[in-house]
């Protein structure tokens, strides 16, 4: 396998745990059914900490293959095939893999934020959900947007480190609709708490 193909595979591997939930969210928002493939994102997410090291290894091996071929060609006065394209793919794959790695570890570096309380001015209800399958910032985005798409939510904040989503509702919440929305993007949810604000 040459350096260019291996770098492309590394990019695909690095993005495999984060992109499926976002793609499923987009399909759900435009009305395309995704129930058959929703579990894929949860499965890939659970393997993220195995996939990312493989992607990093793949990029490193791509560079090694590239420089080995470059050295071999310089000694034998041969010409490397697609040298510019290979260099471009190595650069892009490095950026993509580093980006997904950073996206996955930034919350650990910044530290945890405290769980929110019922503070939204227009909200009448607050609920916390345990979300199975959240593993990175991309998961948080997919969860937040899927819940917002239900239409009766004031605001939502999720935290993949806690595997929780915190939701402020307008009026009487439809918990089944939230669980269905999360299932459509590959996550299962269990309601943990429910509070009602007295106004």
Protein backbone atom coordinates (compact mmCIF):
# COMPACT_ATOMS: atom_id res chain seq x y z
CA UNK A 1 0.00 0.00 0.00
CA UNK A 2 1.35 3.43 -0.85
CA UNK A 3 1.49 6.49 1.42
CA UNK A 4 -1.40 8.28 -0.32
CA UNK A 5 -3.89 5.41 0.10
CA UNK A 6 -2.85 4.78 3.68
CA UNK A 7 -3.25 8.48 4.57
CA UNK A 8 -6.78 8.45 3.10
CA UNK A 9 -7.65 5.36 5.15
CA UNK A 10 -6.29 7.10 8.25
CA UNK A 11 -8.56 10.09 7.66
CA UNK A 12 -11.58 7.83 7.22
CA UNK A 13 -10.71 5.93 10.41
CA UNK A 14 -10.25 9.12 12.46
CA UNK A 15 -13.59 10.54 11.34
CA UNK A 16 -15.56 7.28 11.55
CA UNK A 17 -16.68 7.77 15.14
CA UNK A 18 -17.67 11.43 14.84
CA UNK A 19 -19.15 11.88 11.38
CA UNK A 20 -21.90 9.20 11.35
CA UNK A 21 -23.97 10.87 14.11
CA UNK A 22 -23.74 14.21 12.29
CA UNK A 23 -24.67 12.61 8.95
CA UNK A 24 -27.58 10.77 10.58
CA UNK A 25 -28.71 14.05 12.16
CA UNK A 26 -28.67 15.76 8.77
CA UNK A 27 -30.67 12.93 7.21
CA UNK A 28 -33.18 13.03 10.06
CA UNK A 29 -33.60 16.81 9.80
CA UNK A 30 -34.41 16.55 6.08
CA UNK A 31 -36.87 13.73 6.72
CA UNK A 32 -34.92 10.71 5.48
CA UNK A 33 -35.43 7.66 7.71
CA UNK A 34 -32.27 6.38 9.37
CA UNK A 35 -33.47 3.77 11.85
CA UNK A 36 -31.62 0.92 10.13
CA UNK A 37 -28.19 2.52 10.43
CA UNK A 38 -28.59 4.54 13.65
CA UNK A 39 -26.83 1.91 15.75
CA UNK A 40 -23.71 2.21 13.61
CA UNK A 41 -22.73 5.57 15.11
CA UNK A 42 -23.12 4.26 18.65
CA UNK A 43 -21.02 1.18 17.83
CA UNK A 44 -18.26 3.20 16.18
CA UNK A 45 -18.33 5.70 19.04
CA UNK A 46 -17.67 2.95 21.56
CA UNK A 47 -14.59 1.94 19.54
CA UNK A 48 -13.24 5.51 19.20
CA UNK A 49 -10.29 5.08 21.58
CA UNK A 50 -9.14 2.08 19.52
CA UNK A 51 -9.77 3.71 16.13
CA UNK A 52 -7.96 7.00 16.82
CA UNK A 53 -4.61 5.38 17.75
CA UNK A 54 -4.86 3.28 14.57
CA UNK A 55 -5.46 6.45 12.55
CA UNK A 56 -2.44 8.13 14.16
CA UNK A 57 -0.34 5.04 13.44
CA UNK A 58 -1.61 5.06 9.85
CA UNK A 59 -0.55 8.68 9.33
CA UNK A 60 2.87 7.96 10.83
CA UNK A 61 3.28 4.91 8.60
CA UNK A 62 2.20 6.98 5.59
CA UNK A 63 4.98 9.47 6.26
CA UNK A 64 7.48 6.65 6.70
CA UNK A 65 6.42 5.09 3.36
CA UNK A 66 6.62 8.47 1.63
CA UNK A 67 10.11 9.31 2.89
CA UNK A 68 11.34 5.77 2.23
CA UNK A 69 10.20 6.01 -1.40
CA UNK A 70 11.63 9.51 -1.70
CA UNK A 71 15.02 8.34 -0.43
CA UNK A 72 14.98 5.29 -2.68
CA UNK A 73 14.22 7.43 -5.73
CA UNK A 74 16.91 9.95 -4.89
CA UNK A 75 19.55 7.22 -4.79
CA UNK A 76 18.42 5.54 -8.02
CA UNK A 77 17.53 8.70 -9.90
CA UNK A 78 13.94 7.56 -10.39
CA UNK A 79 10.85 9.71 -10.27
CA UNK A 80 8.17 9.37 -7.58
CA UNK A 81 4.68 8.89 -8.97
CA UNK A 82 2.15 11.52 -7.83
CA UNK A 83 4.62 13.15 -5.46
CA UNK A 84 2.63 16.41 -5.12
CA UNK A 85 -0.68 14.61 -4.62
CA UNK A 86 0.86 12.32 -2.02
CA UNK A 87 2.32 15.29 -0.11
CA UNK A 88 -1.07 17.03 -0.21
CA UNK A 89 -2.88 13.91 1.06
CA UNK A 90 -0.34 13.51 3.87
CA UNK A 91 -0.87 17.11 4.94
CA UNK A 92 -4.67 16.84 4.78
CA UNK A 93 -4.72 13.52 6.64
CA UNK A 94 -2.47 14.93 9.37
CA UNK A 95 -4.80 17.91 9.83
CA UNK A 96 -7.94 15.73 9.85
CA UNK A 97 -6.56 13.16 12.30
CA UNK A 98 -5.12 15.88 14.59
CA UNK A 99 -8.44 17.74 14.43
CA UNK A 100 -10.54 14.73 15.44
CA UNK A 101 -8.04 13.84 18.17
CA UNK A 102 -8.20 17.40 19.52
CA UNK A 103 -11.99 17.39 19.32
CA UNK A 104 -12.04 14.19 21.35
CA UNK A 105 -9.66 15.27 24.12
CA UNK A 106 -10.35 19.01 24.54
CA UNK A 107 -13.07 18.50 27.20
CA UNK A 108 -10.64 16.47 29.32
CA UNK A 109 -8.11 19.29 29.14
CA UNK A 110 -10.62 22.05 29.92
CA UNK A 111 -12.24 20.19 32.81
CA UNK A 112 -15.84 19.38 33.66
CA UNK A 113 -18.56 21.97 33.98
CA UNK A 114 -21.12 21.64 36.78
CA UNK A 115 -24.52 20.17 36.00
CA UNK A 116 -27.03 22.91 35.22
CA UNK A 117 -30.06 23.72 37.33
CA UNK A 118 -33.47 24.97 36.25
CA UNK A 119 -32.49 28.54 35.36
CA UNK A 120 -33.91 29.26 31.91
CA UNK A 121 -36.33 32.19 32.29
CA UNK A 122 -39.06 30.84 30.00
CA UNK A 123 -38.77 27.17 30.95
CA UNK A 124 -41.35 25.37 33.04
CA UNK A 125 -39.61 21.98 33.17
CA UNK A 126 -36.08 20.65 33.39
CA UNK A 127 -34.98 17.06 32.75
CA UNK A 128 -31.70 15.20 32.71
CA UNK A 129 -31.13 12.21 30.45
CA UNK A 130 -28.52 9.47 30.49
CA UNK A 131 -27.37 9.12 26.88
CA UNK A 132 -25.73 5.89 25.79
CA UNK A 133 -23.13 6.17 23.03
CA UNK A 134 -21.81 9.76 23.39
CA UNK A 135 -18.03 9.73 23.10
CA UNK A 136 -16.89 13.14 21.80
CA UNK A 137 -17.78 16.71 20.91
CA UNK A 138 -19.38 15.56 17.67
CA UNK A 139 -21.76 13.40 19.67
CA UNK A 140 -22.69 16.40 21.81
CA UNK A 141 -23.55 18.42 18.70
CA UNK A 142 -25.69 15.58 17.28
CA UNK A 143 -27.52 15.08 20.59
CA UNK A 144 -28.16 18.80 21.10
CA UNK A 145 -29.45 19.34 17.56
CA UNK A 146 -31.64 16.22 17.60
CA UNK A 147 -33.30 17.39 20.82
CA UNK A 148 -33.68 20.97 19.54
CA UNK A 149 -35.33 19.65 16.37
CA UNK A 150 -38.29 18.40 18.43
CA UNK A 151 -39.42 22.03 18.61
CA UNK A 152 -40.65 22.32 22.20
CA UNK A 153 -37.27 22.70 23.92
CA UNK A 154 -36.04 26.03 25.35
CA UNK A 155 -32.43 24.91 25.47
CA UNK A 156 -30.27 21.84 25.79
CA UNK A 157 -26.73 21.11 26.88
CA UNK A 158 -25.05 17.74 26.71
CA UNK A 159 -21.78 16.46 28.12
CA UNK A 160 -20.22 13.32 26.69
CA UNK A 161 -17.91 12.85 29.70
CA UNK A 162 -20.97 12.44 31.91
CA UNK A 163 -23.08 10.79 29.17
CA UNK A 164 -25.81 13.26 30.07
CA UNK A 165 -28.10 15.74 28.33
CA UNK A 166 -29.78 18.55 30.26
CA UNK A 167 -32.98 19.86 28.73
CA UNK A 168 -35.17 22.86 29.53
CA UNK A 169 -38.73 22.54 28.20
CA UNK A 170 -41.52 24.82 27.14
CA UNK A 171 -44.87 23.69 28.52
CA UNK A 172 -45.58 19.98 28.82
CA UNK A 173 -42.66 17.96 27.47
CA UNK A 174 -43.04 14.92 25.22
CA UNK A 175 -40.36 12.59 26.56
CA UNK A 176 -41.07 9.88 24.00
CA UNK A 177 -40.46 12.35 21.17
CA UNK A 178 -37.04 13.20 22.62
CA UNK A 179 -36.13 9.52 22.95
CA UNK A 180 -37.25 8.89 19.35
CA UNK A 181 -35.24 11.88 18.11
CA UNK A 182 -32.11 10.59 19.85
CA UNK A 183 -32.68 7.05 18.55
CA UNK A 184 -32.87 8.43 15.01
CA UNK A 185 -29.27 9.67 15.30
CA UNK A 186 -27.96 6.53 17.01
CA UNK A 187 -28.28 7.16 20.75
CA UNK A 188 -30.46 5.63 23.43
CA UNK A 189 -31.70 7.80 26.28
CA UNK A 190 -33.11 7.25 29.74
CA UNK A 191 -34.77 10.05 31.67
CA UNK A 192 -33.07 10.50 35.04
CA UNK A 193 -34.72 13.53 36.64
CA UNK A 194 -37.63 15.83 35.99
CA UNK A 195 -38.26 19.11 37.77
CA UNK A 196 -41.13 21.55 37.42
CA UNK A 197 -40.60 25.18 38.23
CA UNK A 198 -43.34 26.85 40.23
CA UNK A 199 -44.07 30.28 38.72
